[in-house]
C-alpha atoms as a PDB file:
ATOM      1  CA  MET A   1      24.362  -2.534 -68.952  1.00  0.00           C
ATOM      2  CA  LYS A   2      26.064  -5.359 -67.086  1.00  0.00           C
ATOM      3  CA  GLY A   3      28.844  -2.977 -66.028  1.00  0.00           C
ATOM      4  CA  THR A   4      26.337  -0.504 -64.594  1.00  0.00           C
ATOM      5  CA  SER A   5      24.522  -3.278 -62.698  1.00  0.00           C
ATOM      6  CA  LEU A   6      27.830  -4.500 -61.258  1.00  0.00           C
ATOM      7  CA  ILE A   7      28.768  -0.970 -60.101  1.00  0.00           C
ATOM      8  CA  VAL A   8      25.358  -0.459 -58.444  1.00  0.00           C
ATOM      9  CA  SER A   9      25.676  -3.828 -56.685  1.00  0.00           C
ATOM     10  CA  ILE A  10      29.131  -2.947 -55.375  1.00  0.00           C
ATOM     11  CA  VAL A  11      27.971   0.498 -54.165  1.00  0.00           C
ATOM     12  CA  LEU A  12      24.949  -1.072 -52.394  1.00  0.00           C
ATOM     13  CA  PHE A  13      27.161  -3.732 -50.805  1.00  0.00           C
ATOM     14  CA  VAL A  14      29.586  -1.083 -49.492  1.00  0.00           C
ATOM     15  CA  ALA A  15      26.693   1.071 -48.190  1.00  0.00           C
ATOM     16  CA  VAL A  16      25.164  -1.880 -46.327  1.00  0.00           C
ATOM     17  CA  ALA A  17      28.576  -2.829 -44.901  1.00  0.00           C
ATOM     18  CA  VAL A  18      29.145   0.757 -43.666  1.00  0.00           C
ATOM     19  CA  LEU A  19      25.687   0.888 -42.042  1.00  0.00           C
ATOM     20  CA  TYR A  20      26.314  -2.483 -40.388  1.00  0.00           C
ATOM     21  CA  VAL A  21      29.653  -1.325 -38.953  1.00  0.00           C
ATOM     22  CA  LEU A  22      28.230   2.024 -37.782  1.00  0.00           C
ATOM     23  CA  HIS A  23      25.281   0.360 -36.095  1.00  0.00           C
ATOM     24  CA  PHE A  24      27.314  -2.195 -34.152  1.00  0.00           C
ATOM     25  CA  ALA A  25      30.185   0.166 -33.403  1.00  0.00           C
ATOM     26  CA  GLY A  26      27.779   2.148 -31.220  1.00  0.00           C
ATOM     27  CA  ILE A  27      27.322   5.263 -33.323  1.00  0.00           C
ATOM     28  CA  GLY A  28      23.977   6.790 -32.453  1.00  0.00           C
ATOM     29  CA  LYS A  29      21.461   8.629 -34.561  1.00  0.00           C
ATOM     30  CA  SER A  30      23.424  11.846 -34.166  1.00  0.00           C
ATOM     31  CA  GLY A  31      26.451  10.218 -35.817  1.00  0.00           C
ATOM     32  CA  GLN A  32      28.714  10.617 -32.770  1.00  0.00           C
ATOM     33  CA  ASN A  33      30.622   7.759 -31.174  1.00  0.00           C
ATOM     34  CA  SER A  34      29.494   6.614 -27.710  1.00  0.00           C
ATOM     35  CA  ASP A  35      31.699   7.428 -24.736  1.00  0.00           C
ATOM     36  CA  ALA A  36      33.005   4.697 -22.428  1.00  0.00           C
ATOM     37  CA  ASP A  37      30.406   5.907 -19.889  1.00  0.00           C
ATOM     38  CA  ASP A  38      27.678   5.090 -22.379  1.00  0.00           C
ATOM     39  CA  ARG A  39      28.653   1.423 -22.857  1.00  0.00           C
ATOM     40  CA  ALA A  40      25.358   0.428 -21.288  1.00  0.00           C
ATOM     41  CA  VAL A  41      23.325   2.420 -23.822  1.00  0.00           C
ATOM     42  CA  ILE A  42      22.482  -0.275 -26.326  1.00  0.00           C
ATOM     43  CA  SER A  43      20.230   0.683 -29.218  1.00  0.00           C
ATOM     44  CA  ARG A  44      17.857  -2.022 -30.363  1.00  0.00           C
ATOM     45  CA  ASP A  45      15.347  -0.962 -32.980  1.00  0.00           C
ATOM     46  CA  GLY A  46      15.591   2.564 -31.608  1.00  0.00           C
ATOM     47  CA  LEU A  47      15.207   1.495 -27.944  1.00  0.00           C
ATOM     48  CA  LYS A  48      17.864   2.158 -25.315  1.00  0.00           C
ATOM     49  CA  ILE A  49      17.791  -0.560 -22.660  1.00  0.00           C
ATOM     50  CA  ALA A  50      19.757  -1.188 -19.467  1.00  0.00           C
ATOM     51  CA  TYR A  51      19.294  -3.323 -16.379  1.00  0.00           C
ATOM     52  CA  VAL A  52      20.003  -3.152 -12.657  1.00  0.00           C
ATOM     53  CA  LYS A  53      20.653  -6.017 -10.257  1.00  0.00           C
ATOM     54  CA  ALA A  54      18.320  -4.664  -7.582  1.00  0.00           C
ATOM     55  CA  ASP A  55      19.193  -7.383  -5.057  1.00  0.00           C
ATOM     56  CA  SER A  56      22.883  -6.496  -5.403  1.00  0.00           C
ATOM     57  CA  VAL A  57      22.083  -2.807  -4.871  1.00  0.00           C
ATOM     58  CA  ILE A  58      20.086  -3.589  -1.718  1.00  0.00           C
ATOM     59  CA  LEU A  59      22.848  -5.820  -0.315  1.00  0.00           C
ATOM     60  CA  ASN A  60      25.531  -3.170  -0.855  1.00  0.00           C
ATOM     61  CA  TYR A  61      23.576   0.035  -0.273  1.00  0.00           C
ATOM     62  CA  GLN A  62      24.815   1.774   2.896  1.00  0.00           C
ATOM     63  CA  LEU A  63      21.338   2.945   3.921  1.00  0.00           C
ATOM     64  CA  ALA A  64      19.985  -0.617   3.553  1.00  0.00           C
ATOM     65  CA  GLU A  65      22.858  -1.897   5.720  1.00  0.00           C
ATOM     66  CA  PHE A  66      22.128   0.759   8.377  1.00  0.00           C
ATOM     67  CA  LEU A  67      18.395  -0.016   8.379  1.00  0.00           C
ATOM     68  CA  HIS A  68      19.094  -3.756   8.592  1.00  0.00           C
ATOM     69  CA  ASP A  69      21.477  -3.282  11.555  1.00  0.00           C
ATOM     70  CA  ASP A  70      18.973  -1.005  13.315  1.00  0.00           C
ATOM     71  CA  PHE A  71      16.163  -3.517  12.702  1.00  0.00           C
ATOM     72  CA  THR A  72      18.310  -6.385  14.032  1.00  0.00           C
ATOM     73  CA  LYS A  73      19.110  -4.441  17.242  1.00  0.00           C
ATOM     74  CA  LYS A  74      15.437  -3.678  17.860  1.00  0.00           C
ATOM     75  CA  GLN A  75      14.458  -7.266  17.068  1.00  0.00           C
ATOM     76  CA  GLU A  76      17.028  -8.524  19.594  1.00  0.00           C
ATOM     77  CA  ALA A  77      15.781  -6.028  22.215  1.00  0.00           C
ATOM     78  CA  PHE A  78      12.175  -7.110  21.657  1.00  0.00           C
ATOM     79  CA  THR A  79      13.143 -10.786  21.792  1.00  0.00           C
ATOM     80  CA  THR A  80      15.107 -10.245  25.024  1.00  0.00           C
ATOM     81  CA  GLU A  81      12.209  -8.357  26.631  1.00  0.00           C
ATOM     82  CA  TYR A  82       9.713 -11.052  25.610  1.00  0.00           C
ATOM     83  CA  ALA A  83      11.996 -13.909  26.731  1.00  0.00           C
ATOM     84  CA  SER A  84      12.547 -12.220  30.123  1.00  0.00           C
ATOM     85  CA  LYS A  85       8.820 -11.794  30.768  1.00  0.00           C
ATOM     86  CA  ARG A  86       8.080 -15.310  29.531  1.00  0.00           C
ATOM     87  CA  LYS A  87      10.760 -16.800  31.782  1.00  0.00           C
ATOM     88  CA  SER A  88       9.426 -14.869  34.799  1.00  0.00           C
ATOM     89  CA  PHE A  89       5.890 -16.071  34.048  1.00  0.00           C
ATOM     90  CA  GLU A  90       6.996 -19.711  33.692  1.00  0.00           C
ATOM     91  CA  LYS A  91       8.828 -19.469  37.029  1.00  0.00           C
ATOM     92  CA  ASP A  92       5.691 -18.052  38.724  1.00  0.00           C
ATOM     93  CA  ALA A  93       3.488 -20.698  37.066  1.00  0.00           C
ATOM     94  CA  ALA A  94       5.784 -23.516  38.247  1.00  0.00           C
ATOM     95  CA  ALA A  95       5.808 -22.060  41.777  1.00  0.00           C
ATOM     96  CA  PHE A  96       1.996 -21.847  41.739  1.00  0.00           C
ATOM     97  CA  GLN A  97       1.679 -25.461  40.583  1.00  0.00           C
ATOM     98  CA  GLU A  98       4.096 -26.681  43.247  1.00  0.00           C
ATOM     99  CA  LYS A  99       2.360 -24.660  45.981  1.00  0.00           C
ATOM    100  CA  LEU A 100      -1.052 -25.900  44.838  1.00  0.00           C
ATOM    101  CA  GLN A 101       0.066 -29.555  44.923  1.00  0.00           C
ATOM    102  CA  ARG A 102       1.444 -29.318  48.458  1.00  0.00           C
ATOM    103  CA  GLY A 103      -1.610 -27.398  49.719  1.00  0.00           C
ATOM    104  CA  GLY A 104       0.323 -24.238  50.443  1.00  0.00           C
ATOM    105  CA  PHE A 105      -2.586 -21.825  49.927  1.00  0.00           C
ATOM    106  CA  LEU A 106      -4.538 -20.717  52.990  1.00  0.00           C
ATOM    107  CA  SER A 107      -7.828 -20.946  51.100  1.00  0.00           C
ATOM    108  CA  GLU A 108      -9.253 -22.025  47.775  1.00  0.00           C
ATOM    109  CA  GLN A 109     -10.149 -18.394  47.071  1.00  0.00           C
ATOM    110  CA  ARG A 110      -6.473 -17.372  47.421  1.00  0.00           C
ATOM    111  CA  ALA A 111      -5.473 -20.151  44.984  1.00  0.00           C
ATOM    112  CA  VAL A 112      -8.095 -18.978  42.478  1.00  0.00           C
ATOM    113  CA  GLN A 113      -6.845 -15.369  42.779  1.00  0.00           C
ATOM    114  CA  GLU A 114      -3.272 -16.473  42.075  1.00  0.00           C
ATOM    115  CA  ARG A 115      -4.402 -18.609  39.137  1.00  0.00           C
ATOM    116  CA  ASP A 116      -6.365 -15.659  37.668  1.00  0.00           C
ATOM    117  CA  ARG A 117      -3.330 -13.390  38.107  1.00  0.00           C
ATOM    118  CA  LEU A 118      -1.176 -15.874  36.182  1.00  0.00           C
ATOM    119  CA  VAL A 119      -3.785 -16.251  33.415  1.00  0.00           C
ATOM    120  CA  GLY A 120      -3.921 -12.448  33.065  1.00  0.00           C
ATOM    121  CA  LEU A 121      -0.124 -12.285  32.989  1.00  0.00           C
ATOM    122  CA  GLU A 122       0.043 -14.930  30.262  1.00  0.00           C
ATOM    123  CA  GLN A 123      -2.507 -12.995  28.185  1.00  0.00           C
ATOM    124  CA  GLU A 124      -0.426  -9.820  28.595  1.00  0.00           C
ATOM    125  CA  ILE A 125       2.680 -11.694  27.402  1.00  0.00           C
ATOM    126  CA  GLN A 126       0.821 -13.084  24.371  1.00  0.00           C
ATOM    127  CA  LYS A 127      -0.497  -9.596  23.559  1.00  0.00           C
ATOM    128  CA  MET A 128       3.012  -8.158  23.909  1.00  0.00           C
ATOM    129  CA  ASP A 129       4.356 -10.847  21.549  1.00  0.00           C
ATOM    130  CA  GLN A 130       1.699  -9.958  18.951  1.00  0.00           C
ATOM    131  CA  GLU A 131       2.342  -6.225  19.293  1.00  0.00           C
ATOM    132  CA  LEU A 132       6.117  -6.627  19.030  1.00  0.00           C
ATOM    133  CA  SER A 133       5.757  -8.900  15.987  1.00  0.00           C
ATOM    134  CA  ALA A 134       3.437  -6.331  14.364  1.00  0.00           C
ATOM    135  CA  LYS A 135       5.899  -3.506  15.117  1.00  0.00           C
ATOM    136  CA  LEU A 136       8.790  -5.476  13.624  1.00  0.00           C
ATOM    137  CA  GLY A 137       6.735  -6.317  10.538  1.00  0.00           C
ATOM    138  CA  GLU A 138       5.744  -2.670  10.092  1.00  0.00           C
ATOM    139  CA  MET A 139       9.351  -1.574  10.586  1.00  0.00           C
ATOM    140  CA  GLN A 140      10.547  -4.091   7.998  1.00  0.00           C
ATOM    141  CA  ASN A 141       7.954  -2.845   5.474  1.00  0.00           C
ATOM    142  CA  THR A 142       8.888   0.797   6.138  1.00  0.00           C
ATOM    143  CA  ASN A 143      12.596   0.039   5.706  1.00  0.00           C
ATOM    144  CA  GLY A 144      11.970  -1.856   2.470  1.00  0.00           C
ATOM    145  CA  GLN A 145       9.848   0.994   1.104  1.00  0.00           C
ATOM    146  CA  GLN A 146      12.520   3.542   2.055  1.00  0.00           C
ATOM    147  CA  VAL A 147      15.193   1.609   0.144  1.00  0.00           C
ATOM    148  CA  LEU A 148      12.871   1.126  -2.844  1.00  0.00           C
ATOM    149  CA  ASP A 149      11.977   4.840  -2.897  1.00  0.00           C
ATOM    150  CA  SER A 150      15.662   5.728  -2.793  1.00  0.00           C
ATOM    151  CA  LEU A 151      16.390   3.342  -5.690  1.00  0.00           C
ATOM    152  CA  GLN A 152      13.502   4.747  -7.751  1.00  0.00           C
ATOM    153  CA  SER A 153      14.607   8.333  -7.077  1.00  0.00           C
ATOM    154  CA  CYS A 154      18.177   7.524  -8.109  1.00  0.00           C
ATOM    155  CA  LEU A 155      17.034   5.723 -11.266  1.00  0.00           C
ATOM    156  CA  LYS A 156      14.863   8.700 -12.273  1.00  0.00           C
ATOM    157  CA  HIS A 157      17.772  11.110 -11.808  1.00  0.00           C
ATOM    158  CA  TYR A 158      20.168   8.779 -13.647  1.00  0.00           C
ATOM    159  CA  ASN A 159      17.702   8.313 -16.493  1.00  0.00           C
ATOM    160  CA  SER A 160      17.124  12.061 -16.828  1.00  0.00           C
ATOM    161  CA  ILE A 161      20.762  12.182 -17.963  1.00  0.00           C
ATOM    162  CA  LYS A 162      21.118   8.875 -19.844  1.00  0.00           C
ATOM    163  CA  LYS A 163      17.654   8.832 -21.482  1.00  0.00           C
ATOM    164  CA  TYR A 164      16.945   5.087 -21.472  1.00  0.00           C
ATOM    165  CA  ASP A 165      13.637   3.845 -22.804  1.00  0.00           C
ATOM    166  CA  TYR A 166      13.697   0.962 -20.309  1.00  0.00           C
ATOM    167  CA  ILE A 167      15.675   0.114 -17.177  1.00  0.00           C
ATOM    168  CA  LEU A 168      14.868  -3.454 -16.188  1.00  0.00           C
ATOM    169  CA  ASN A 169      15.347  -5.421 -12.979  1.00  0.00           C
ATOM    170  CA  ALA A 170      17.908  -8.153 -13.625  1.00  0.00           C
ATOM    171  CA  SER A 171      15.830 -10.683 -11.663  1.00  0.00           C
ATOM    172  CA  SER A 172      13.756 -11.207 -14.803  1.00  0.00           C
ATOM    173  CA  ILE A 173      16.762 -11.310 -17.160  1.00  0.00           C
ATOM    174  CA  LEU A 174      18.210 -14.771 -17.683  1.00  0.00           C
ATOM    175  CA  ILE A 175      20.946 -13.751 -20.135  1.00  0.00           C
ATOM    176  CA  GLY A 176      22.207 -10.237 -20.709  1.00  0.00           C
ATOM    177  CA  ASP A 177      25.214  -8.304 -21.948  1.00  0.00           C
ATOM    178  CA  GLU A 178      27.284  -6.902 -19.066  1.00  0.00           C
ATOM    179  CA  GLY A 179      27.536  -3.714 -21.124  1.00  0.00           C
ATOM    180  CA  ASP A 180      23.847  -3.174 -20.323  1.00  0.00           C
ATOM    181  CA  ASN A 181      24.421  -3.589 -16.571  1.00  0.00           C
ATOM    182  CA  ILE A 182      24.293  -0.200 -14.809  1.00  0.00           C
ATOM    183  CA  THR A 183      24.207  -1.645 -11.261  1.00  0.00           C
ATOM    184  CA  ALA A 184      27.646  -0.302 -10.281  1.00  0.00           C
ATOM    185  CA  ASP A 185      26.764   3.228 -11.452  1.00  0.00           C
ATOM    186  CA  ILE A 186      23.450   3.217  -9.577  1.00  0.00           C
ATOM    187  CA  LEU A 187      24.986   1.798  -6.383  1.00  0.00           C
ATOM    188  CA  LYS A 188      27.796   4.361  -6.450  1.00  0.00           C
ATOM    189  CA  MET A 189      25.328   7.207  -6.927  1.00  0.00           C
ATOM    190  CA  MET A 190      23.075   5.982  -4.095  1.00  0.00           C
ATOM    191  CA  ASN A 191      25.955   5.497  -1.646  1.00  0.00           C
ATOM    192  CA  GLU A 192      27.433   8.899  -2.475  1.00  0.00           C
ATOM    193  CA  LYS A 193      24.062  10.544  -1.884  1.00  0.00           C
ATOM    194  CA  TYR A 194      23.595   8.678   1.414  1.00  0.00           C
ATOM    195  CA  SER A 195      27.154   9.567   2.563  1.00  0.00           C
ATOM    196  CA  ALA A 196      26.496  13.235   1.781  1.00  0.00           C
ATOM    197  CA  THR A 197      23.372  13.235   3.971  1.00  0.00           C
ATOM    198  CA  GLN A 198      25.342  11.669   6.860  1.00  0.00           C
ATOM    199  CA  GLN A 199      27.999  14.405   6.753  1.00  0.00           C
ATOM    200  CA  LYS A 200      25.487  17.200   7.292  1.00  0.00           C
END
């Protein structure tokens, strides 16, 4: 009886050890070993989880770089246009003030007309500043949405192949296994897709 109990204990111990090794060696439910490409597929209680460093993708994504450069050029053009009009207005305002102080206007009515012209010009400049700021803000939002849509599209395509249960944004992960990090794969896929569209 004791011999049988000892044999059963040994068999159970070996079975548990084999299951432990199979589980942590990365053998899936199908019983096949994972490929090197599937390092990031980590099974935890039946869940396959990976994460992406979205900020790293955005910084190194060619489309994001192009959109940022284009935005910067337009921002500089808007700033230059605004600064030029503002400088011209300030010059006219200083000339008006100087002329008013030395009594250079032929009549009070002419001085009032010039003052009203300058007030209208200043309002136009303020309106232009608001419109340009709104355009830049809208452009920034559109660019951000375009990059986000591209990332989401790529993740959906990637996940249709890899079949993750969850792909998380690394910004909310404080500690994680680099084997779960699929950022490089996603970035490569996005840049290849963007490059292909540029060659057409």
